[in-house]
Amino acid sequence: MLLWLNLAQLILYIGLLALAGQGALYVLAGARRDRNLFYQLFQIINRPWIALGRLIAPRAFAARLHPFIAFCLMAALYLAVTLAKIEHCLTIGMEHCR
């Protein structure tokens, strides 16, 4: 169980950092961001999360908000997994969670 919680936490953490990096490059690179290699890499990594944000978002939301919705969703999932991991470690004992 602890292995699966750690794995879920790691996948969410990588996705959150990639979305944060894409957001930072969106601001820093400006109009030339589509030619930036790292921005393109972040787009590839974040494609599944943004698609999930697109599915969850109401139709009235603009397409430029889908990454933000995905980030909020992933942050909430990361918090839920972290709390589940803490509860699991308290249940089995802290010496087994190392």
C-alpha atoms as a PDB file:
ATOM      1  CA  MET A   1       0.000   0.000   0.000  1.00  0.00           C
ATOM      2  CA  LEU A   2       2.788   2.398   0.886  1.00  0.00           C
ATOM      3  CA  LEU A   3       4.474   1.724  -2.454  1.00  0.00           C
ATOM      4  CA  TRP A   4       1.332   2.681  -4.372  1.00  0.00           C
ATOM      5  CA  LEU A   5       0.842   5.842  -2.322  1.00  0.00           C
ATOM      6  CA  ASN A   6       4.462   6.832  -2.931  1.00  0.00           C
ATOM      7  CA  LEU A   7       4.080   6.133  -6.648  1.00  0.00           C
ATOM      8  CA  ALA A   8       0.895   8.209  -6.910  1.00  0.00           C
ATOM      9  CA  GLN A   9       2.532  11.015  -4.970  1.00  0.00           C
ATOM     10  CA  LEU A  10       5.575  10.958  -7.264  1.00  0.00           C
ATOM     11  CA  ILE A  11       3.499  11.030 -10.463  1.00  0.00           C
ATOM     12  CA  LEU A  12       1.441  13.938  -9.164  1.00  0.00           C
ATOM     13  CA  TYR A  13       4.566  15.770  -7.996  1.00  0.00           C
ATOM     14  CA  ILE A  14       6.222  15.482 -11.416  1.00  0.00           C
ATOM     15  CA  GLY A  15       3.048  16.701 -13.096  1.00  0.00           C
ATOM     16  CA  LEU A  16       2.709  19.642 -10.721  1.00  0.00           C
ATOM     17  CA  LEU A  17       6.299  20.707 -11.294  1.00  0.00           C
ATOM     18  CA  ALA A  18       5.900  20.371 -15.055  1.00  0.00           C
ATOM     19  CA  LEU A  19       2.748  22.503 -14.993  1.00  0.00           C
ATOM     20  CA  ALA A  20       4.490  25.097 -12.833  1.00  0.00           C
ATOM     21  CA  GLY A  21       7.443  25.113 -15.234  1.00  0.00           C
ATOM     22  CA  GLN A  22       5.156  25.500 -18.223  1.00  0.00           C
ATOM     23  CA  GLY A  23       3.399  28.392 -16.495  1.00  0.00           C
ATOM     24  CA  ALA A  24       6.698  30.100 -15.706  1.00  0.00           C
ATOM     25  CA  LEU A  25       7.878  29.735 -19.306  1.00  0.00           C
ATOM     26  CA  TYR A  26       4.506  31.008 -20.520  1.00  0.00           C
ATOM     27  CA  VAL A  27       5.206  34.243 -18.677  1.00  0.00           C
ATOM     28  CA  LEU A  28       8.951  34.480 -19.319  1.00  0.00           C
ATOM     29  CA  ALA A  29       9.169  33.413 -22.962  1.00  0.00           C
ATOM     30  CA  GLY A  30       6.253  35.497 -24.175  1.00  0.00           C
ATOM     31  CA  ALA A  31       5.164  35.061 -27.797  1.00  0.00           C
ATOM     32  CA  ARG A  32       8.220  32.951 -28.634  1.00  0.00           C
ATOM     33  CA  ARG A  33       7.288  30.220 -26.174  1.00  0.00           C
ATOM     34  CA  ASP A  34       6.101  27.843 -28.908  1.00  0.00           C
ATOM     35  CA  ARG A  35       9.657  27.645 -30.266  1.00  0.00           C
ATOM     36  CA  ASN A  36      11.150  26.998 -26.817  1.00  0.00           C
ATOM     37  CA  LEU A  37      12.334  23.399 -26.468  1.00  0.00           C
ATOM     38  CA  PHE A  38      11.555  23.150 -22.759  1.00  0.00           C
ATOM     39  CA  TYR A  39       8.078  24.630 -23.209  1.00  0.00           C
ATOM     40  CA  GLN A  40       7.386  21.988 -25.864  1.00  0.00           C
ATOM     41  CA  LEU A  41       8.654  19.278 -23.497  1.00  0.00           C
ATOM     42  CA  PHE A  42       6.373  20.549 -20.727  1.00  0.00           C
ATOM     43  CA  GLN A  43       3.447  20.533 -23.171  1.00  0.00           C
ATOM     44  CA  ILE A  44       4.083  16.869 -23.957  1.00  0.00           C
ATOM     45  CA  ILE A  45       4.373  15.927 -20.272  1.00  0.00           C
ATOM     46  CA  ASN A  46       1.250  17.877 -19.322  1.00  0.00           C
ATOM     47  CA  ARG A  47      -0.968  16.787 -22.210  1.00  0.00           C
ATOM     48  CA  PRO A  48      -2.856  14.088 -20.189  1.00  0.00           C
ATOM     49  CA  TRP A  49      -3.422  16.403 -17.222  1.00  0.00           C
ATOM     50  CA  ILE A  50      -4.654  19.290 -19.368  1.00  0.00           C
ATOM     51  CA  ALA A  51      -6.998  16.903 -21.211  1.00  0.00           C
ATOM     52  CA  LEU A  52      -8.406  15.865 -17.834  1.00  0.00           C
ATOM     53  CA  GLY A  53      -8.829  19.530 -16.907  1.00  0.00           C
ATOM     54  CA  ARG A  54     -10.633  20.067 -20.228  1.00  0.00           C
ATOM     55  CA  LEU A  55     -13.041  17.232 -19.419  1.00  0.00           C
ATOM     56  CA  ILE A  56     -13.793  18.558 -15.943  1.00  0.00           C
ATOM     57  CA  ALA A  57     -14.148  22.241 -16.874  1.00  0.00           C
ATOM     58  CA  PRO A  58     -17.538  23.616 -17.868  1.00  0.00           C
ATOM     59  CA  ARG A  59     -17.881  24.642 -21.514  1.00  0.00           C
ATOM     60  CA  ALA A  60     -18.072  28.312 -20.504  1.00  0.00           C
ATOM     61  CA  PHE A  61     -14.413  28.341 -19.396  1.00  0.00           C
ATOM     62  CA  ALA A  62     -11.846  29.542 -21.893  1.00  0.00           C
ATOM     63  CA  ALA A  63      -9.307  27.023 -23.223  1.00  0.00           C
ATOM     64  CA  ARG A  64      -6.455  29.010 -21.679  1.00  0.00           C
ATOM     65  CA  LEU A  65      -7.800  28.141 -18.205  1.00  0.00           C
ATOM     66  CA  HIS A  66      -7.566  24.373 -18.694  1.00  0.00           C
ATOM     67  CA  PRO A  67      -3.939  24.169 -17.457  1.00  0.00           C
ATOM     68  CA  PHE A  68      -4.890  26.114 -14.326  1.00  0.00           C
ATOM     69  CA  ILE A  69      -7.836  23.784 -13.703  1.00  0.00           C
ATOM     70  CA  ALA A  70      -5.514  20.798 -14.175  1.00  0.00           C
ATOM     71  CA  PHE A  71      -3.042  22.317 -11.707  1.00  0.00           C
ATOM     72  CA  CYS A  72      -5.758  22.839  -9.078  1.00  0.00           C
ATOM     73  CA  LEU A  73      -7.036  19.307  -9.588  1.00  0.00           C
ATOM     74  CA  MET A  74      -3.558  17.819  -9.270  1.00  0.00           C
ATOM     75  CA  ALA A  75      -2.806  19.898  -6.178  1.00  0.00           C
ATOM     76  CA  ALA A  76      -5.986  18.619  -4.537  1.00  0.00           C
ATOM     77  CA  LEU A  77      -5.130  15.023  -5.493  1.00  0.00           C
ATOM     78  CA  TYR A  78      -1.583  15.455  -4.190  1.00  0.00           C
ATOM     79  CA  LEU A  79      -2.941  16.718  -0.877  1.00  0.00           C
ATOM     80  CA  ALA A  80      -5.378  13.792  -0.665  1.00  0.00           C
ATOM     81  CA  VAL A  81      -2.625  11.241  -1.386  1.00  0.00           C
ATOM     82  CA  THR A  82      -0.341  12.871   1.174  1.00  0.00           C
ATOM     83  CA  LEU A  83      -3.048  12.734   3.829  1.00  0.00           C
ATOM     84  CA  ALA A  84      -3.768   9.079   2.956  1.00  0.00           C
ATOM     85  CA  LYS A  85      -0.058   8.312   3.261  1.00  0.00           C
ATOM     86  CA  ILE A  86       0.116   9.982   6.677  1.00  0.00           C
ATOM     87  CA  GLU A  87      -2.943   8.046   7.850  1.00  0.00           C
ATOM     88  CA  HIS A  88      -1.477   4.785   6.541  1.00  0.00           C
ATOM     89  CA  CYS A  89       1.850   5.411   8.292  1.00  0.00           C
ATOM     90  CA  LEU A  90       0.115   6.202  11.577  1.00  0.00           C
ATOM     91  CA  THR A  91      -1.916   3.013  11.270  1.00  0.00           C
ATOM     92  CA  ILE A  92       0.965   0.613  10.574  1.00  0.00           C
ATOM     93  CA  GLY A  93       3.474   2.426  12.748  1.00  0.00           C
ATOM     94  CA  MET A  94       6.099   4.928  11.797  1.00  0.00           C
ATOM     95  CA  GLU A  95       8.963   2.419  11.904  1.00  0.00           C
ATOM     96  CA  HIS A  96       7.430   0.571   8.922  1.00  0.00           C
ATOM     97  CA  CYS A  97       7.191   3.765   6.832  1.00  0.00           C
ATOM     98  CA  ARG A  98      10.885   4.396   6.459  1.00  0.00           C
END
